[in-house]
Amino acid sequence: MARKFFYDTGEKKVGPVTGHDLLRLRAEGNIANDTWVRRADSSTWRRLSEVDLHKEEEEEAHPSLLRLLTRHLNWSSLLLFIAVILVLGALLIGLVYVAGPLLLILLIVWLLSRLIRG
């Protein structure tokens, strides 16, 4: 799937078009290197001369793991999952700190009772 762009003619914003379309429009003289363009998934406008369209197409064809995650991940669900894990971890650590000494005391009492009966 080709990455989509918008470009500014000075009178209006045009798009979305592909990177290949931008290259063709530049070759035909319809736009110049100083034409302002932005990716469809971005709000940042850059001059066409500052955009490496071949690199953009390569990144779109072979996205990084981070890009895949941000594209397909429901962030609110991820944050909820992390919060639940943190709370459960805190409860487990708290349980160890509270139950550990209590279990040690019970073990000592049991051992003493065995020695006394013994």
PDB file of N, CA and C in Angstrom:
ATOM      1  N   MET A   1       0.845  -1.181   0.000  1.00  0.00           N
ATOM      2  CA  MET A   1       0.000   0.000   0.000  1.00  0.00           C
ATOM      3  C   MET A   1       0.891   1.245   0.000  1.00  0.00           C
ATOM      4  N   ALA A   2       0.665   2.133  -0.901  1.00  0.00           N
ATOM      5  CA  ALA A   2       1.488   3.334  -1.031  1.00  0.00           C
ATOM      6  C   ALA A   2       1.103   4.360   0.022  1.00  0.00           C
ATOM      7  N   ARG A   3       2.108   5.044   0.536  1.00  0.00           N
ATOM      8  CA  ARG A   3       1.881   6.115   1.498  1.00  0.00           C
ATOM      9  C   ARG A   3       1.202   7.273   0.777  1.00  0.00           C
ATOM     10  N   LYS A   4       0.297   7.944   1.459  1.00  0.00           N
ATOM     11  CA  LYS A   4      -0.473   9.040   0.865  1.00  0.00           C
ATOM     12  C   LYS A   4       0.055  10.394   1.336  1.00  0.00           C
ATOM     13  N   PHE A   5      -0.027  11.380   0.457  1.00  0.00           N
ATOM     14  CA  PHE A   5       0.449  12.728   0.724  1.00  0.00           C
ATOM     15  C   PHE A   5      -0.593  13.742   0.281  1.00  0.00           C
ATOM     16  N   PHE A   6      -0.483  14.937   0.868  1.00  0.00           N
ATOM     17  CA  PHE A   6      -1.215  16.108   0.401  1.00  0.00           C
ATOM     18  C   PHE A   6      -0.173  17.117  -0.057  1.00  0.00           C
ATOM     19  N   TYR A   7      -0.530  17.949  -1.028  1.00  0.00           N
ATOM     20  CA  TYR A   7       0.370  19.028  -1.416  1.00  0.00           C
ATOM     21  C   TYR A   7      -0.423  20.314  -1.543  1.00  0.00           C
ATOM     22  N   ASP A   8       0.296  21.425  -1.374  1.00  0.00           N
ATOM     23  CA  ASP A   8      -0.316  22.752  -1.364  1.00  0.00           C
ATOM     24  C   ASP A   8       0.045  23.481  -2.653  1.00  0.00           C
ATOM     25  N   THR A   9      -0.968  23.832  -3.426  1.00  0.00           N
ATOM     26  CA  THR A   9      -0.731  24.544  -4.688  1.00  0.00           C
ATOM     27  C   THR A   9      -0.615  26.053  -4.471  1.00  0.00           C
ATOM     28  N   GLY A  10      -0.851  26.497  -3.261  1.00  0.00           N
ATOM     29  CA  GLY A  10      -0.893  27.936  -2.985  1.00  0.00           C
ATOM     30  C   GLY A  10      -2.323  28.437  -2.936  1.00  0.00           C
ATOM     31  N   GLU A  11      -3.185  27.775  -3.683  1.00  0.00           N
ATOM     32  CA  GLU A  11      -4.602  28.135  -3.702  1.00  0.00           C
ATOM     33  C   GLU A  11      -5.439  27.123  -2.931  1.00  0.00           C
ATOM     34  N   LYS A  12      -5.000  25.856  -2.972  1.00  0.00           N
ATOM     35  CA  LYS A  12      -5.761  24.813  -2.278  1.00  0.00           C
ATOM     36  C   LYS A  12      -4.841  23.656  -1.934  1.00  0.00           C
ATOM     37  N   LYS A  13      -5.317  22.840  -1.006  1.00  0.00           N
ATOM     38  CA  LYS A  13      -4.620  21.611  -0.629  1.00  0.00           C
ATOM     39  C   LYS A  13      -5.176  20.497  -1.496  1.00  0.00           C
ATOM     40  N   VAL A  14      -4.283  19.680  -2.064  1.00  0.00           N
ATOM     41  CA  VAL A  14      -4.692  18.615  -2.972  1.00  0.00           C
ATOM     42  C   VAL A  14      -4.239  17.283  -2.397  1.00  0.00           C
ATOM     43  N   GLY A  15      -5.094  16.289  -2.517  1.00  0.00           N
ATOM     44  CA  GLY A  15      -4.707  14.951  -2.073  1.00  0.00           C
ATOM     45  C   GLY A  15      -5.876  14.219  -1.477  1.00  0.00           C
ATOM     46  N   PRO A  16      -5.648  13.033  -1.061  1.00  0.00           N
ATOM     47  CA  PRO A  16      -4.343  12.381  -0.972  1.00  0.00           C
ATOM     48  C   PRO A  16      -3.881  11.816  -2.318  1.00  0.00           C
ATOM     49  N   VAL A  17      -2.556  11.880  -2.506  1.00  0.00           N
ATOM     50  CA  VAL A  17      -1.897  11.303  -3.676  1.00  0.00           C
ATOM     51  C   VAL A  17      -0.740  10.442  -3.179  1.00  0.00           C
ATOM     52  N   THR A  18      -0.252   9.563  -4.042  1.00  0.00           N
ATOM     53  CA  THR A  18       0.879   8.716  -3.655  1.00  0.00           C
ATOM     54  C   THR A  18       2.190   9.457  -3.896  1.00  0.00           C
ATOM     55  N   GLY A  19       3.263   8.899  -3.364  1.00  0.00           N
ATOM     56  CA  GLY A  19       4.585   9.442  -3.615  1.00  0.00           C
ATOM     57  C   GLY A  19       4.936   9.389  -5.085  1.00  0.00           C
ATOM     58  N   HIS A  20       4.497   8.326  -5.744  1.00  0.00           N
ATOM     59  CA  HIS A  20       4.724   8.209  -7.193  1.00  0.00           C
ATOM     60  C   HIS A  20       4.003   9.320  -7.945  1.00  0.00           C
ATOM     61  N   ASP A  21       2.800   9.668  -7.477  1.00  0.00           N
ATOM     62  CA  ASP A  21       2.073  10.779  -8.108  1.00  0.00           C
ATOM     63  C   ASP A  21       2.848  12.090  -7.953  1.00  0.00           C
ATOM     64  N   LEU A  22       3.424  12.308  -6.760  1.00  0.00           N
ATOM     65  CA  LEU A  22       4.203  13.530  -6.544  1.00  0.00           C
ATOM     66  C   LEU A  22       5.407  13.580  -7.478  1.00  0.00           C
ATOM     67  N   LEU A  23       6.084  12.451  -7.632  1.00  0.00           N
ATOM     68  CA  LEU A  23       7.232  12.398  -8.537  1.00  0.00           C
ATOM     69  C   LEU A  23       6.814  12.702  -9.974  1.00  0.00           C
ATOM     70  N   ARG A  24       5.679  12.151 -10.381  1.00  0.00           N
ATOM     71  CA  ARG A  24       5.181  12.389 -11.739  1.00  0.00           C
ATOM     72  C   ARG A  24       4.795  13.853 -11.921  1.00  0.00           C
ATOM     73  N   LEU A  25       4.097  14.419 -10.899  1.00  0.00           N
ATOM     74  CA  LEU A  25       3.694  15.825 -10.991  1.00  0.00           C
ATOM     75  C   LEU A  25       4.910  16.742 -11.068  1.00  0.00           C
ATOM     76  N   ARG A  26       5.970  16.412 -10.327  1.00  0.00           N
ATOM     77  CA  ARG A  26       7.195  17.216 -10.374  1.00  0.00           C
ATOM     78  C   ARG A  26       7.872  17.080 -11.753  1.00  0.00           C
ATOM     79  N   ALA A  27       7.908  15.843 -12.266  1.00  0.00           N
ATOM     80  CA  ALA A  27       8.530  15.618 -13.583  1.00  0.00           C
ATOM     81  C   ALA A  27       7.777  16.355 -14.679  1.00  0.00           C
ATOM     82  N   GLU A  28       6.447  16.452 -14.552  1.00  0.00           N
ATOM     83  CA  GLU A  28       5.628  17.145 -15.556  1.00  0.00           C
ATOM     84  C   GLU A  28       5.660  18.658 -15.382  1.00  0.00           C
ATOM     85  N   GLY A  29       6.245  19.132 -14.274  1.00  0.00           N
ATOM     86  CA  GLY A  29       6.308  20.570 -14.029  1.00  0.00           C
ATOM     87  C   GLY A  29       5.082  21.139 -13.348  1.00  0.00           C
ATOM     88  N   ASN A  30       4.172  20.278 -12.889  1.00  0.00           N
ATOM     89  CA  ASN A  30       2.962  20.756 -12.215  1.00  0.00           C
ATOM     90  C   ASN A  30       3.229  21.213 -10.788  1.00  0.00           C
ATOM     91  N   ILE A  31       4.256  20.662 -10.160  1.00  0.00           N
ATOM     92  CA  ILE A  31       4.705  21.099  -8.843  1.00  0.00           C
ATOM     93  C   ILE A  31       6.228  21.214  -8.893  1.00  0.00           C
ATOM     94  N   ALA A  32       6.781  21.961  -7.923  1.00  0.00           N
ATOM     95  CA  ALA A  32       8.233  22.171  -7.892  1.00  0.00           C
ATOM     96  C   ALA A  32       8.804  21.624  -6.582  1.00  0.00           C
ATOM     97  N   ASN A  33      10.129  21.666  -6.475  1.00  0.00           N
ATOM     98  CA  ASN A  33      10.783  21.183  -5.259  1.00  0.00           C
ATOM     99  C   ASN A  33      10.412  22.001  -4.026  1.00  0.00           C
ATOM    100  N   ASP A  34       9.981  23.255  -4.221  1.00  0.00           N
ATOM    101  CA  ASP A  34       9.604  24.071  -3.064  1.00  0.00           C
ATOM    102  C   ASP A  34       8.109  23.973  -2.735  1.00  0.00           C
ATOM    103  N   THR A  35       7.392  23.047  -3.366  1.00  0.00           N
ATOM    104  CA  THR A  35       5.981  22.802  -3.047  1.00  0.00           C
ATOM    105  C   THR A  35       5.895  22.180  -1.658  1.00  0.00           C
ATOM    106  N   TRP A  36       4.959  22.677  -0.869  1.00  0.00           N
ATOM    107  CA  TRP A  36       4.765  22.152   0.497  1.00  0.00           C
ATOM    108  C   TRP A  36       3.941  20.871   0.430  1.00  0.00           C
ATOM    109  N   VAL A  37       4.431  19.815   1.087  1.00  0.00           N
ATOM    110  CA  VAL A  37       3.745  18.522   1.119  1.00  0.00           C
ATOM    111  C   VAL A  37       3.708  18.018   2.557  1.00  0.00           C
ATOM    112  N   ARG A  38       2.762  17.155   2.825  1.00  0.00           N
ATOM    113  CA  ARG A  38       2.707  16.475   4.122  1.00  0.00           C
ATOM    114  C   ARG A  38       2.133  15.086   3.915  1.00  0.00           C
ATOM    115  N   ARG A  39       2.560  14.163   4.783  1.00  0.00           N
ATOM    116  CA  ARG A  39       1.975  12.822   4.746  1.00  0.00           C
ATOM    117  C   ARG A  39       0.542  12.910   5.257  1.00  0.00           C
ATOM    118  N   ALA A  40      -0.293  12.022   4.786  1.00  0.00           N
ATOM    119  CA  ALA A  40      -1.704  12.028   5.183  1.00  0.00           C
ATOM    120  C   ALA A  40      -1.863  11.751   6.671  1.00  0.00           C
ATOM    121  N   ASP A  41      -0.909  11.018   7.271  1.00  0.00           N
ATOM    122  CA  ASP A  41      -1.011  10.696   8.699  1.00  0.00           C
ATOM    123  C   ASP A  41      -0.221  11.676   9.571  1.00  0.00           C
ATOM    124  N   SER A  42       0.127  12.840   9.016  1.00  0.00           N
ATOM    125  CA  SER A  42       0.923  13.828   9.740  1.00  0.00           C
ATOM    126  C   SER A  42       0.321  15.212   9.535  1.00  0.00           C
ATOM    127  N   SER A  43       0.654  16.117  10.438  1.00  0.00           N
ATOM    128  CA  SER A  43       0.208  17.504  10.280  1.00  0.00           C
ATOM    129  C   SER A  43       1.382  18.419   9.930  1.00  0.00           C
ATOM    130  N   THR A  44       2.568  17.847   9.758  1.00  0.00           N
ATOM    131  CA  THR A  44       3.775  18.617   9.484  1.00  0.00           C
ATOM    132  C   THR A  44       3.981  18.789   7.978  1.00  0.00           C
ATOM    133  N   TRP A  45       4.031  20.029   7.562  1.00  0.00           N
ATOM    134  CA  TRP A  45       4.267  20.345   6.150  1.00  0.00           C
ATOM    135  C   TRP A  45       5.760  20.528   5.933  1.00  0.00           C
ATOM    136  N   ARG A  46       6.286  19.970   4.844  1.00  0.00           N
ATOM    137  CA  ARG A  46       7.692  20.096   4.471  1.00  0.00           C
ATOM    138  C   ARG A  46       7.769  20.404   2.977  1.00  0.00           C
ATOM    139  N   ARG A  47       8.869  20.987   2.580  1.00  0.00           N
ATOM    140  CA  ARG A  47       9.079  21.206   1.151  1.00  0.00           C
ATOM    141  C   ARG A  47       9.337  19.854   0.491  1.00  0.00           C
ATOM    142  N   LEU A  48       8.874  19.700  -0.716  1.00  0.00           N
ATOM    143  CA  LEU A  48       9.043  18.448  -1.444  1.00  0.00           C
ATOM    144  C   LEU A  48      10.519  18.056  -1.524  1.00  0.00           C
ATOM    145  N   SER A  49      11.401  19.025  -1.646  1.00  0.00           N
ATOM    146  CA  SER A  49      12.837  18.732  -1.726  1.00  0.00           C
ATOM    147  C   SER A  49      13.376  18.112  -0.436  1.00  0.00           C
ATOM    148  N   GLU A  50      12.663  18.287   0.686  1.00  0.00           N
ATOM    149  CA  GLU A  50      13.095  17.738   1.975  1.00  0.00           C
ATOM    150  C   GLU A  50      12.561  16.327   2.212  1.00  0.00           C
ATOM    151  N   VAL A  51      11.710  15.836   1.326  1.00  0.00           N
ATOM    152  CA  VAL A  51      11.069  14.532   1.498  1.00  0.00           C
ATOM    153  C   VAL A  51      11.751  13.514   0.596  1.00  0.00           C
ATOM    154  N   ASP A  52      12.237  12.443   1.199  1.00  0.00           N
ATOM    155  CA  ASP A  52      12.822  11.346   0.422  1.00  0.00           C
ATOM    156  C   ASP A  52      11.691  10.363   0.119  1.00  0.00           C
ATOM    157  N   LEU A  53      11.068  10.531  -1.042  1.00  0.00           N
ATOM    158  CA  LEU A  53       9.888   9.733  -1.374  1.00  0.00           C
ATOM    159  C   LEU A  53      10.210   8.243  -1.495  1.00  0.00           C
ATOM    160  N   HIS A  54      11.410   7.920  -1.960  1.00  0.00           N
ATOM    161  CA  HIS A  54      11.793   6.505  -2.064  1.00  0.00           C
ATOM    162  C   HIS A  54      11.901   5.879  -0.675  1.00  0.00           C
ATOM    163  N   LYS A  55      12.472   6.630   0.271  1.00  0.00           N
ATOM    164  CA  LYS A  55      12.575   6.143   1.655  1.00  0.00           C
ATOM    165  C   LYS A  55      11.182   6.011   2.273  1.00  0.00           C
ATOM    166  N   GLU A  56      10.324   6.984   2.007  1.00  0.00           N
ATOM    167  CA  GLU A  56       8.950   6.935   2.524  1.00  0.00           C
ATOM    168  C   GLU A  56       8.227   5.683   2.028  1.00  0.00           C
ATOM    169  N   GLU A  57       8.382   5.375   0.754  1.00  0.00           N
ATOM    170  CA  GLU A  57       7.733   4.189   0.188  1.00  0.00           C
ATOM    171  C   GLU A  57       8.328   2.913   0.786  1.00  0.00           C
ATOM    172  N   GLU A  58       9.642   2.899   1.005  1.00  0.00           N
ATOM    173  CA  GLU A  58      10.291   1.729   1.610  1.00  0.00           C
ATOM    174  C   GLU A  58       9.799   1.515   3.036  1.00  0.00           C
ATOM    175  N   GLU A  59       9.679   2.597   3.806  1.00  0.00           N
ATOM    176  CA  GLU A  59       9.173   2.489   5.178  1.00  0.00           C
ATOM    177  C   GLU A  59       7.735   1.998   5.202  1.00  0.00           C
ATOM    178  N   GLU A  60       6.961   2.427   4.231  1.00  0.00           N
ATOM    179  CA  GLU A  60       5.567   1.976   4.157  1.00  0.00           C
ATOM    180  C   GLU A  60       5.494   0.501   3.784  1.00  0.00           C
ATOM    181  N   ALA A  61       6.353   0.081   2.873  1.00  0.00           N
ATOM    182  CA  ALA A  61       6.341  -1.320   2.434  1.00  0.00           C
ATOM    183  C   ALA A  61       6.899  -2.252   3.504  1.00  0.00           C
ATOM    184  N   HIS A  62       7.866  -1.768   4.297  1.00  0.00           N
ATOM    185  CA  HIS A  62       8.505  -2.581   5.337  1.00  0.00           C
ATOM    186  C   HIS A  62       8.538  -1.792   6.638  1.00  0.00           C
ATOM    187  N   PRO A  63       7.393  -1.667   7.304  1.00  0.00           N
ATOM    188  CA  PRO A  63       7.336  -0.833   8.509  1.00  0.00           C
ATOM    189  C   PRO A  63       8.091  -1.457   9.678  1.00  0.00           C
ATOM    190  N   SER A  64       8.547  -0.600  10.580  1.00  0.00           N
ATOM    191  CA  SER A  64       9.217  -1.066  11.791  1.00  0.00           C
ATOM    192  C   SER A  64       8.180  -1.633  12.757  1.00  0.00           C
ATOM    193  N   LEU A  65       8.657  -2.355  13.754  1.00  0.00           N
ATOM    194  CA  LEU A  65       7.756  -2.922  14.767  1.00  0.00           C
ATOM    195  C   LEU A  65       6.992  -1.818  15.484  1.00  0.00           C
ATOM    196  N   LEU A  66       7.680  -0.724  15.808  1.00  0.00           N
ATOM    197  CA  LEU A  66       7.014   0.386  16.480  1.00  0.00           C
ATOM    198  C   LEU A  66       5.892   0.957  15.624  1.00  0.00           C
ATOM    199  N   ARG A  67       6.138   1.121  14.324  1.00  0.00           N
ATOM    200  CA  ARG A  67       5.090   1.640  13.440  1.00  0.00           C
ATOM    201  C   ARG A  67       3.912   0.679  13.359  1.00  0.00           C
ATOM    202  N   LEU A  68       4.193  -0.631  13.303  1.00  0.00           N
ATOM    203  CA  LEU A  68       3.104  -1.612  13.281  1.00  0.00           C
ATOM    204  C   LEU A  68       2.279  -1.534  14.556  1.00  0.00           C
ATOM    205  N   LEU A  69       2.955  -1.416  15.693  1.00  0.00           N
ATOM    206  CA  LEU A  69       2.236  -1.334  16.961  1.00  0.00           C
ATOM    207  C   LEU A  69       1.375  -0.082  17.029  1.00  0.00           C
ATOM    208  N   THR A  70       1.940   1.057  16.633  1.00  0.00           N
ATOM    209  CA  THR A  70       1.167   2.291  16.716  1.00  0.00           C
ATOM    210  C   THR A  70       0.020   2.301  15.716  1.00  0.00           C
ATOM    211  N   ARG A  71       0.167   1.567  14.624  1.00  0.00           N
ATOM    212  CA  ARG A  71      -0.884   1.507  13.619  1.00  0.00           C
ATOM    213  C   ARG A  71      -2.044   0.618  14.054  1.00  0.00           C
ATOM    214  N   HIS A  72      -1.745  -0.487  14.759  1.00  0.00           N
ATOM    215  CA  HIS A  72      -2.762  -1.491  15.049  1.00  0.00           C
ATOM    216  C   HIS A  72      -3.086  -1.660  16.527  1.00  0.00           C
ATOM    217  N   LEU A  73      -2.538  -0.820  17.382  1.00  0.00           N
ATOM    218  CA  LEU A  73      -2.704  -1.011  18.808  1.00  0.00           C
ATOM    219  C   LEU A  73      -3.725  -0.041  19.367  1.00  0.00           C
ATOM    220  N   ASN A  74      -4.575  -0.552  20.208  1.00  0.00           N
ATOM    221  CA  ASN A  74      -5.523   0.288  20.924  1.00  0.00           C
ATOM    222  C   ASN A  74      -4.815   0.757  22.194  1.00  0.00           C
ATOM    223  N   TRP A  75      -4.399   2.020  22.214  1.00  0.00           N
ATOM    224  CA  TRP A  75      -3.569   2.520  23.312  1.00  0.00           C
ATOM    225  C   TRP A  75      -4.294   2.490  24.645  1.00  0.00           C
ATOM    226  N   SER A  76      -5.595   2.742  24.689  1.00  0.00           N
ATOM    227  CA  SER A  76      -6.301   2.724  25.971  1.00  0.00           C
ATOM    228  C   SER A  76      -6.301   1.316  26.554  1.00  0.00           C
ATOM    229  N   SER A  77      -6.425   0.289  25.726  1.00  0.00           N
ATOM    230  CA  SER A  77      -6.372  -1.088  26.219  1.00  0.00           C
ATOM    231  C   SER A  77      -4.980  -1.425  26.738  1.00  0.00           C
ATOM    232  N   LEU A  78      -3.947  -0.961  26.035  1.00  0.00           N
ATOM    233  CA  LEU A  78      -2.580  -1.210  26.477  1.00  0.00           C
ATOM    234  C   LEU A  78      -2.314  -0.538  27.820  1.00  0.00           C
ATOM    235  N   LEU A  79      -2.748   0.702  27.975  1.00  0.00           N
ATOM    236  CA  LEU A  79      -2.543   1.406  29.237  1.00  0.00           C
ATOM    237  C   LEU A  79      -3.297   0.730  30.373  1.00  0.00           C
ATOM    238  N   LEU A  80      -4.503   0.256  30.101  1.00  0.00           N
ATOM    239  CA  LEU A  80      -5.262  -0.459  31.120  1.00  0.00           C
ATOM    240  C   LEU A  80      -4.555  -1.743  31.512  1.00  0.00           C
ATOM    241  N   PHE A  81      -4.032  -2.481  30.545  1.00  0.00           N
ATOM    242  CA  PHE A  81      -3.303  -3.715  30.814  1.00  0.00           C
ATOM    243  C   PHE A  81      -2.074  -3.443  31.675  1.00  0.00           C
ATOM    244  N   ILE A  82      -1.313  -2.406  31.343  1.00  0.00           N
ATOM    245  CA  ILE A  82      -0.124  -2.057  32.123  1.00  0.00           C
ATOM    246  C   ILE A  82      -0.517  -1.671  33.542  1.00  0.00           C
ATOM    247  N   ALA A  83      -1.592  -0.909  33.687  1.00  0.00           N
ATOM    248  CA  ALA A  83      -2.039  -0.503  35.022  1.00  0.00           C
ATOM    249  C   ALA A  83      -2.438  -1.718  35.855  1.00  0.00           C
ATOM    250  N   VAL A  84      -3.139  -2.664  35.253  1.00  0.00           N
ATOM    251  CA  VAL A  84      -3.544  -3.876  35.978  1.00  0.00           C
ATOM    252  C   VAL A  84      -2.322  -4.679  36.405  1.00  0.00           C
ATOM    253  N   ILE A  85      -1.345  -4.820  35.515  1.00  0.00           N
ATOM    254  CA  ILE A  85      -0.117  -5.553  35.840  1.00  0.00           C
ATOM    255  C   ILE A  85       0.615  -4.865  36.991  1.00  0.00           C
ATOM    256  N   LEU A  86       0.710  -3.548  36.964  1.00  0.00           N
ATOM    257  CA  LEU A  86       1.382  -2.817  38.039  1.00  0.00           C
ATOM    258  C   LEU A  86       0.668  -2.982  39.373  1.00  0.00           C
ATOM    259  N   VAL A  87      -0.649  -2.902  39.355  1.00  0.00           N
ATOM    260  CA  VAL A  87      -1.418  -3.063  40.598  1.00  0.00           C
ATOM    261  C   VAL A  87      -1.268  -4.481  41.135  1.00  0.00           C
ATOM    262  N   LEU A  88      -1.385  -5.480  40.270  1.00  0.00           N
ATOM    263  CA  LEU A  88      -1.224  -6.864  40.723  1.00  0.00           C
ATOM    264  C   LEU A  88       0.183  -7.110  41.254  1.00  0.00           C
ATOM    265  N   GLY A  89       1.181  -6.543  40.594  1.00  0.00           N
ATOM    266  CA  GLY A  89       2.562  -6.672  41.078  1.00  0.00           C
ATOM    267  C   GLY A  89       2.738  -6.036  42.436  1.00  0.00           C
ATOM    268  N   ALA A  90       2.165  -4.855  42.621  1.00  0.00           N
ATOM    269  CA  ALA A  90       2.253  -4.177  43.920  1.00  0.00           C
ATOM    270  C   ALA A  90       1.544  -4.990  45.007  1.00  0.00           C
ATOM    271  N   LEU A  91       0.385  -5.555  44.670  1.00  0.00           N
ATOM    272  CA  LEU A  91      -0.323  -6.392  45.647  1.00  0.00           C
ATOM    273  C   LEU A  91       0.484  -7.636  46.011  1.00  0.00           C
ATOM    274  N   LEU A  92       1.102  -8.259  45.031  1.00  0.00           N
ATOM    275  CA  LEU A  92       1.910  -9.439  45.284  1.00  0.00           C
ATOM    276  C   LEU A  92       3.112  -9.108  46.162  1.00  0.00           C
ATOM    277  N   ILE A  93       3.782  -8.009  45.864  1.00  0.00           N
ATOM    278  CA  ILE A  93       4.917  -7.592  46.689  1.00  0.00           C
ATOM    279  C   ILE A  93       4.453  -7.268  48.102  1.00  0.00           C
ATOM    280  N   GLY A  94       3.332  -6.570  48.213  1.00  0.00           N
ATOM    281  CA  GLY A  94       2.783  -6.262  49.539  1.00  0.00           C
ATOM    282  C   GLY A  94       2.408  -7.518  50.300  1.00  0.00           C
ATOM    283  N   LEU A  95       1.853  -8.495  49.604  1.00  0.00           N
ATOM    284  CA  LEU A  95       1.480  -9.756  50.244  1.00  0.00           C
ATOM    285  C   LEU A  95       2.705 -10.488  50.777  1.00  0.00           C
ATOM    286  N   VAL A  96       3.780 -10.468  50.011  1.00  0.00           N
ATOM    287  CA  VAL A  96       5.013 -11.122  50.452  1.00  0.00           C
ATOM    288  C   VAL A  96       5.556 -10.434  51.698  1.00  0.00           C
ATOM    289  N   TYR A  97       5.536  -9.113  51.727  1.00  0.00           N
ATOM    290  CA  TYR A  97       6.048  -8.387  52.883  1.00  0.00           C
ATOM    291  C   TYR A  97       5.175  -8.584  54.119  1.00  0.00           C
ATOM    292  N   VAL A  98       3.882  -8.731  53.936  1.00  0.00           N
ATOM    293  CA  VAL A  98       2.983  -8.925  55.081  1.00  0.00           C
ATOM    294  C   VAL A  98       2.918 -10.395  55.464  1.00  0.00           C
ATOM    295  N   ALA A  99       2.728 -11.272  54.505  1.00  0.00           N
ATOM    296  CA  ALA A  99       2.540 -12.694  54.799  1.00  0.00           C
ATOM    297  C   ALA A  99       3.856 -13.379  55.139  1.00  0.00           C
ATOM    298  N   GLY A 100       4.974 -12.904  54.596  1.00  0.00           N
ATOM    299  CA  GLY A 100       6.268 -13.533  54.870  1.00  0.00           C
ATOM    300  C   GLY A 100       6.585 -13.595  56.352  1.00  0.00           C
ATOM    301  N   PRO A 101       6.601 -12.464  57.051  1.00  0.00           N
ATOM    302  CA  PRO A 101       6.866 -12.501  58.497  1.00  0.00           C
ATOM    303  C   PRO A 101       5.810 -13.293  59.271  1.00  0.00           C
ATOM    304  N   LEU A 102       4.561 -13.211  58.848  1.00  0.00           N
ATOM    305  CA  LEU A 102       3.503 -13.964  59.529  1.00  0.00           C
ATOM    306  C   LEU A 102       3.730 -15.466  59.381  1.00  0.00           C
ATOM    307  N   LEU A 103       4.091 -15.908  58.184  1.00  0.00           N
ATOM    308  CA  LEU A 103       4.380 -17.329  57.976  1.00  0.00           C
ATOM    309  C   LEU A 103       5.611 -17.766  58.765  1.00  0.00           C
ATOM    310  N   LEU A 104       6.603 -16.900  58.882  1.00  0.00           N
ATOM    311  CA  LEU A 104       7.795 -17.213  59.665  1.00  0.00           C
ATOM    312  C   LEU A 104       7.444 -17.387  61.139  1.00  0.00           C
ATOM    313  N   ILE A 105       6.610 -16.525  61.643  1.00  0.00           N
ATOM    314  CA  ILE A 105       6.169 -16.647  63.047  1.00  0.00           C
ATOM    315  C   ILE A 105       5.404 -17.944  63.253  1.00  0.00           C
ATOM    316  N   LEU A 106       4.498 -18.276  62.326  1.00  0.00           N
ATOM    317  CA  LEU A 106       3.738 -19.522  62.449  1.00  0.00           C
ATOM    318  C   LEU A 106       4.659 -20.739  62.392  1.00  0.00           C
ATOM    319  N   LEU A 107       5.689 -20.706  61.569  1.00  0.00           N
ATOM    320  CA  LEU A 107       6.645 -21.806  61.485  1.00  0.00           C
ATOM    321  C   LEU A 107       7.404 -21.961  62.794  1.00  0.00           C
ATOM    322  N   ILE A 108       7.823 -20.849  63.389  1.00  0.00           N
ATOM    323  CA  ILE A 108       8.540 -20.910  64.668  1.00  0.00           C
ATOM    324  C   ILE A 108       7.646 -21.466  65.760  1.00  0.00           C
ATOM    325  N   VAL A 109       6.397 -21.022  65.810  1.00  0.00           N
ATOM    326  CA  VAL A 109       5.454 -21.532  66.818  1.00  0.00           C
ATOM    327  C   VAL A 109       5.233 -23.024  66.619  1.00  0.00           C
ATOM    328  N   TRP A 110       5.089 -23.462  65.395  1.00  0.00           N
ATOM    329  CA  TRP A 110       4.877 -24.883  65.122  1.00  0.00           C
ATOM    330  C   TRP A 110       6.098 -25.705  65.539  1.00  0.00           C
ATOM    331  N   LEU A 111       7.305 -25.204  65.201  1.00  0.00           N
ATOM    332  CA  LEU A 111       8.524 -25.918  65.586  1.00  0.00           C
ATOM    333  C   LEU A 111       8.671 -25.990  67.110  1.00  0.00           C
ATOM    334  N   LEU A 112       8.359 -24.895  67.772  1.00  0.00           N
ATOM    335  CA  LEU A 112       8.429 -24.902  69.245  1.00  0.00           C
ATOM    336  C   LEU A 112       7.423 -25.871  69.849  1.00  0.00           C
ATOM    337  N   SER A 113       6.244 -25.929  69.271  1.00  0.00           N
ATOM    338  CA  SER A 113       5.232 -26.841  69.803  1.00  0.00           C
ATOM    339  C   SER A 113       5.670 -28.297  69.599  1.00  0.00           C
ATOM    340  N   ARG A 114       6.353 -28.581  68.488  1.00  0.00           N
ATOM    341  CA  ARG A 114       6.865 -29.942  68.238  1.00  0.00           C
ATOM    342  C   ARG A 114       7.966 -30.293  69.225  1.00  0.00           C
ATOM    343  N   LEU A 115       8.821 -29.285  69.527  1.00  0.00           N
ATOM    344  CA  LEU A 115       9.901 -29.537  70.475  1.00  0.00           C
ATOM    345  C   LEU A 115       9.376 -29.775  71.889  1.00  0.00           C
ATOM    346  N   ILE A 116       8.368 -29.023  72.245  1.00  0.00           N
ATOM    347  CA  ILE A 116       7.804 -29.155  73.594  1.00  0.00           C
ATOM    348  C   ILE A 116       7.118 -30.498  73.754  1.00  0.00           C
ATOM    349  N   ARG A 117       6.404 -30.972  72.752  1.00  0.00           N
ATOM    350  CA  ARG A 117       5.710 -32.265  72.807  1.00  0.00           C
ATOM    351  C   ARG A 117       6.720 -33.417  72.745  1.00  0.00           C
ATOM    352  N   GLY A 118       7.788 -33.152  72.145  1.00  0.00           N
ATOM    353  CA  GLY A 118       8.718 -34.027  71.789  1.00  0.00           C
ATOM    354  C   GLY A 118       9.514 -35.041  72.267  1.00  0.00           C
TER     355      GLY A 118
END
